[in-house]
Amino acid sequence: MVLHRIRRRFKIINVLVTGGASGLGSSITRRLAVTGDYRVYFTFNTSMEEARRIEREFPCTIGIACDFTDQNSVDTLLAKMLEMDLDILINNALTGMKVKHFHQIDFNDVLESFSENVLPTLRITKQAILLFRKKKNGRIITILTSYLANFPPVGLSEYVANKAYLLSLSRSWAGENARHNITSNCVSPSMMQTALISNLDERQIEDIANSSPLKCLVTTNEVADTVFFLATASRHINGVNILINGGVNVV
């Protein structure tokens, strides 16, 4: 009975993780859920089986189907956010990335990528900020890429440009909302072993790993630990972008 009373003193923290059922998103969702201190809402699109597995493993998680390529689906998520009493938003979802040299890009593809990866993130973040301002409290954490700190790999100009746009906005969110007790920070990992690199063969992945001072790829769990740090860090940590690439870049 005493333990029950102690637990009731602590408020459950409500988090929304976009793209939280696969790859890095799954690691972030699990890292938060395992503590028992968070109610984790997470979106998924094609990973329904994994979403249901997470929900069975962690009763404090709630999967929400959301297709970033469908505006009506995003509208439905925005409406559901009104009922979540959110404390933290983690922008992680990515519909995919195309590898193509800039001079070969069809600009219809550029527009499509921006519409499917950036605009939904902006709409969701705007909704979160409106909710955070009302409660004078909130945290925004956006997943980017360490390629922002150096020359982007050949063929990823479109992907890195989208991430650069989000980095700039994240800094604006930090500056515009600090007085409302809202922070906005980013995490920029190097390449991880996820479905995003499924098109690479083992030799290519090995070469990339060996190019790191640590001679290995960063893991999704390591990145999730950094996200968890920002979810619990001092409010004085605001407007930062944490690089996770083994010391390739010293900032």
Protein backbone atom coordinates (compact mmCIF):
# COMPACT_ATOMS: atom_id res chain seq x y z
CA MET A 1 0.00 0.00 0.00
CA VAL A 2 2.86 2.38 0.85
CA LEU A 3 4.56 1.63 -2.47
CA HIS A 4 1.30 2.27 -4.30
CA ARG A 5 0.95 5.67 -2.62
CA ILE A 6 4.53 6.58 -3.50
CA ARG A 7 4.00 5.73 -7.15
CA ARG A 8 0.88 7.89 -7.36
CA ARG A 9 2.92 10.94 -6.42
CA PHE A 10 4.77 10.79 -9.71
CA LYS A 11 3.09 12.02 -12.88
CA ILE A 12 3.33 9.79 -15.90
CA ILE A 13 5.15 11.62 -18.72
CA ASN A 14 3.38 11.45 -22.08
CA VAL A 15 5.58 11.07 -25.15
CA LEU A 16 4.89 10.83 -28.87
CA VAL A 17 7.52 9.06 -31.00
CA THR A 18 6.89 9.27 -34.75
CA GLY A 19 8.03 6.20 -36.65
CA GLY A 20 8.40 4.42 -33.33
CA ALA A 21 7.86 0.79 -34.31
CA SER A 22 10.94 -0.01 -36.38
CA GLY A 23 14.66 0.69 -36.54
CA LEU A 24 15.81 3.56 -34.36
CA GLY A 25 12.21 4.45 -33.50
CA SER A 26 11.64 1.03 -31.95
CA SER A 27 14.76 1.44 -29.80
CA ILE A 28 13.60 4.88 -28.64
CA THR A 29 10.10 3.63 -27.81
CA ARG A 30 11.50 0.68 -25.84
CA ARG A 31 14.11 2.80 -24.04
CA LEU A 32 11.42 5.11 -22.72
CA ALA A 33 8.84 2.42 -22.01
CA VAL A 34 11.15 0.15 -20.03
CA THR A 35 11.50 2.77 -17.26
CA GLY A 36 7.80 2.67 -16.41
CA ASP A 37 7.79 6.47 -16.09
CA TYR A 38 6.44 7.21 -19.57
CA ARG A 39 3.26 6.62 -21.52
CA VAL A 40 4.62 6.25 -25.02
CA TYR A 41 2.43 6.93 -28.01
CA PHE A 42 4.20 5.90 -31.19
CA THR A 43 3.25 6.02 -34.84
CA PHE A 44 3.77 3.27 -37.38
CA ASN A 45 2.86 2.72 -40.99
CA THR A 46 3.96 -0.64 -42.42
CA SER A 47 5.30 -2.11 -39.16
CA MET A 48 1.99 -3.21 -37.65
CA GLU A 49 3.27 -6.58 -36.45
CA GLU A 50 6.19 -4.98 -34.61
CA ALA A 51 3.89 -2.28 -33.20
CA ARG A 52 1.62 -4.92 -31.68
CA ARG A 53 4.64 -6.75 -30.29
CA ILE A 54 5.80 -3.58 -28.54
CA GLU A 55 2.33 -3.00 -27.11
CA ARG A 56 2.22 -6.55 -25.72
CA GLU A 57 5.67 -6.19 -24.19
CA PHE A 58 5.04 -2.74 -22.72
CA PRO A 59 1.47 -1.99 -21.53
CA CYS A 60 2.42 1.70 -21.28
CA THR A 61 2.77 1.98 -25.08
CA ILE A 62 0.06 2.85 -27.59
CA GLY A 63 0.62 2.38 -31.32
CA ILE A 64 -1.11 4.72 -33.77
CA ALA A 65 -1.25 3.98 -37.49
CA CYS A 66 -0.15 7.04 -39.45
CA ASP A 67 0.94 7.28 -43.07
CA PHE A 68 3.03 10.40 -43.65
CA THR A 69 2.26 10.20 -47.37
CA ASP A 70 -1.47 10.61 -46.66
CA GLN A 71 -2.56 14.05 -45.46
CA ASN A 72 -5.81 12.68 -44.02
CA SER A 73 -3.84 10.20 -41.95
CA VAL A 74 -1.69 13.02 -40.56
CA ASP A 75 -4.85 15.04 -39.86
CA THR A 76 -6.16 12.14 -37.79
CA LEU A 77 -2.94 12.05 -35.77
CA LEU A 78 -3.12 15.80 -35.13
CA ALA A 79 -6.63 15.36 -33.76
CA LYS A 80 -5.50 12.52 -31.49
CA MET A 81 -2.66 14.66 -30.14
CA LEU A 82 -5.27 16.91 -28.51
CA GLU A 83 -6.11 14.05 -26.15
CA MET A 84 -2.56 12.93 -25.29
CA ASP A 85 -1.57 15.66 -22.81
CA LEU A 86 1.89 15.51 -24.36
CA ASP A 87 5.08 16.42 -22.53
CA ILE A 88 7.61 15.31 -25.16
CA LEU A 89 7.61 15.03 -28.95
CA ILE A 90 10.28 12.95 -30.68
CA ASN A 91 10.44 13.54 -34.44
CA ASN A 92 11.90 10.36 -35.90
CA ALA A 93 9.68 9.17 -38.78
CA LEU A 94 11.15 8.89 -42.27
CA THR A 95 9.25 7.51 -45.27
CA GLY A 96 12.52 6.59 -47.01
CA MET A 97 15.42 8.10 -48.88
CA LYS A 98 16.50 7.93 -52.49
CA VAL A 99 20.15 7.68 -53.50
CA LYS A 100 20.74 9.80 -56.58
CA HIS A 101 23.26 12.40 -57.72
CA PHE A 102 21.86 15.92 -57.62
CA HIS A 103 22.21 16.43 -61.38
CA GLN A 104 20.03 13.34 -61.92
CA ILE A 105 17.24 14.40 -59.57
CA ASP A 106 13.73 14.88 -60.89
CA PHE A 107 12.40 17.92 -59.04
CA ASN A 108 9.00 16.29 -58.70
CA ASP A 109 10.80 13.76 -56.49
CA VAL A 110 12.27 16.63 -54.45
CA LEU A 111 8.82 18.08 -53.89
CA GLU A 112 7.43 14.64 -53.01
CA SER A 113 10.22 13.96 -50.50
CA PHE A 114 9.72 17.34 -48.83
CA SER A 115 5.95 16.83 -48.70
CA GLU A 116 6.25 13.34 -47.21
CA ASN A 117 9.15 13.77 -44.79
CA VAL A 118 9.36 17.43 -43.80
CA LEU A 119 5.85 18.88 -43.97
CA PRO A 120 4.23 16.21 -41.74
CA THR A 121 6.99 16.80 -39.19
CA LEU A 122 6.32 20.54 -39.25
CA ARG A 123 2.57 20.06 -38.83
CA ILE A 124 3.03 17.65 -35.92
CA THR A 125 5.60 19.91 -34.25
CA LYS A 126 3.38 22.98 -34.61
CA GLN A 127 0.53 21.09 -32.95
CA ALA A 128 2.85 20.00 -30.14
CA ILE A 129 4.14 23.54 -29.58
CA LEU A 130 0.58 24.89 -29.33
CA LEU A 131 -0.16 22.25 -26.70
CA PHE A 132 3.13 22.82 -24.86
CA ARG A 133 2.56 26.58 -24.71
CA LYS A 134 -0.76 26.08 -23.00
CA LYS A 135 0.82 23.98 -20.25
CA LYS A 136 4.05 26.05 -20.14
CA ASN A 137 6.14 22.94 -20.53
CA GLY A 138 7.44 20.66 -23.27
CA ARG A 139 10.39 19.09 -25.05
CA ILE A 140 11.00 18.57 -28.76
CA ILE A 141 13.69 16.14 -29.90
CA THR A 142 14.36 15.77 -33.62
CA ILE A 143 16.43 13.01 -35.23
CA LEU A 144 18.74 14.30 -37.96
CA THR A 145 22.01 12.96 -39.38
CA SER A 146 25.71 13.46 -38.68
CA TYR A 147 26.16 14.09 -42.41
CA LEU A 148 25.12 17.67 -41.64
CA ALA A 149 28.55 18.22 -40.08
CA ASN A 150 30.61 17.35 -43.14
CA PHE A 151 30.42 16.55 -46.84
CA PRO A 152 27.25 14.49 -47.44
CA PRO A 153 27.82 11.08 -49.05
CA VAL A 154 27.40 11.04 -52.79
CA GLY A 155 23.75 10.66 -53.74
CA LEU A 156 22.18 11.84 -50.50
CA SER A 157 21.87 15.57 -51.23
CA GLU A 158 18.08 15.52 -51.06
CA TYR A 159 17.97 13.57 -47.78
CA VAL A 160 20.60 15.75 -46.09
CA ALA A 161 18.95 18.96 -47.35
CA ASN A 162 15.66 17.93 -45.70
CA LYS A 163 17.51 17.29 -42.45
CA ALA A 164 19.26 20.68 -42.70
CA TYR A 165 15.86 22.36 -43.03
CA LEU A 166 14.69 20.64 -39.85
CA LEU A 167 17.89 21.60 -38.03
CA SER A 168 17.33 25.26 -38.83
CA LEU A 169 13.71 25.10 -37.69
CA SER A 170 14.65 23.24 -34.53
CA ARG A 171 16.87 26.15 -33.53
CA SER A 172 14.03 28.57 -34.23
CA TRP A 173 11.67 26.45 -32.09
CA ALA A 174 14.21 26.64 -29.27
CA GLY A 175 14.55 30.42 -29.46
CA GLU A 176 10.88 31.20 -29.89
CA ASN A 177 9.64 28.98 -27.07
CA ALA A 178 12.31 29.02 -24.36
CA ARG A 179 10.34 31.49 -22.21
CA HIS A 180 7.45 29.02 -22.26
CA ASN A 181 9.68 26.32 -20.70
CA ILE A 182 9.88 24.46 -24.02
CA THR A 183 13.17 23.04 -25.28
CA SER A 184 14.09 21.92 -28.80
CA ASN A 185 17.14 19.77 -29.40
CA CYS A 186 18.44 17.41 -32.06
CA VAL A 187 20.33 14.14 -32.24
CA SER A 188 22.45 13.50 -35.34
CA PRO A 189 23.73 9.92 -35.56
CA SER A 190 25.99 8.47 -38.20
CA MET A 191 24.91 5.43 -40.17
CA MET A 192 23.14 2.70 -38.20
CA GLN A 193 22.30 -0.90 -39.07
CA THR A 194 18.65 -0.38 -40.01
CA ALA A 195 16.39 -1.02 -42.98
CA LEU A 196 17.53 2.30 -44.47
CA ILE A 197 20.81 0.68 -45.53
CA SER A 198 19.32 -2.62 -46.65
CA ASN A 199 20.38 -1.78 -50.21
CA LEU A 200 24.08 -1.88 -49.22
CA ASP A 201 26.07 -5.10 -49.30
CA GLU A 202 28.19 -6.32 -46.38
CA ARG A 203 31.44 -5.02 -47.90
CA GLN A 204 30.05 -1.50 -48.24
CA ILE A 205 28.82 -1.53 -44.65
CA GLU A 206 32.19 -2.84 -43.46
CA ASP A 207 34.00 -0.05 -45.33
CA ILE A 208 31.74 2.55 -43.71
CA ALA A 209 32.31 1.05 -40.27
CA ASN A 210 36.08 1.01 -40.76
CA SER A 211 36.04 4.69 -41.71
CA SER A 212 34.96 5.50 -38.16
CA PRO A 213 37.63 6.02 -35.46
CA LEU A 214 35.84 3.30 -33.47
CA LYS A 215 35.78 0.90 -36.44
CA CYS A 216 32.08 0.15 -35.96
CA LEU A 217 28.64 1.55 -36.67
CA VAL A 218 26.72 3.32 -33.95
CA THR A 219 23.84 1.19 -32.66
CA THR A 220 20.21 2.23 -32.43
CA ASN A 221 20.33 1.57 -28.67
CA GLU A 222 23.22 4.03 -28.27
CA VAL A 223 21.25 6.70 -30.10
CA ALA A 224 18.14 5.91 -28.05
CA ASP A 225 20.19 6.45 -24.88
CA THR A 226 21.08 9.93 -26.13
CA VAL A 227 17.44 10.69 -26.87
CA PHE A 228 16.58 9.55 -23.35
CA PHE A 229 19.25 11.89 -21.97
CA LEU A 230 17.65 14.85 -23.76
CA ALA A 231 14.22 13.77 -22.51
CA THR A 232 15.46 14.12 -18.93
CA ALA A 233 18.18 16.78 -19.23
CA SER A 234 18.29 20.27 -17.73
CA ARG A 235 16.19 22.91 -19.47
CA HIS A 236 19.44 24.83 -19.96
CA ILE A 237 20.28 22.31 -22.70
CA ASN A 238 18.31 23.95 -25.49
CA GLY A 239 18.96 24.49 -29.18
CA VAL A 240 21.76 21.92 -29.36
CA ASN A 241 22.49 19.24 -31.93
CA ILE A 242 24.32 16.23 -30.50
CA LEU A 243 26.55 14.46 -33.05
CA ILE A 244 26.96 10.71 -32.59
CA ASN A 245 29.68 9.61 -35.00
CA GLY A 246 32.59 8.33 -32.92
CA GLY A 247 34.56 11.56 -33.09
CA VAL A 248 34.71 11.93 -36.88
CA ASN A 249 33.83 15.58 -36.29
CA VAL A 250 34.97 17.61 -33.31
CA VAL A 251 32.62 20.53 -32.74
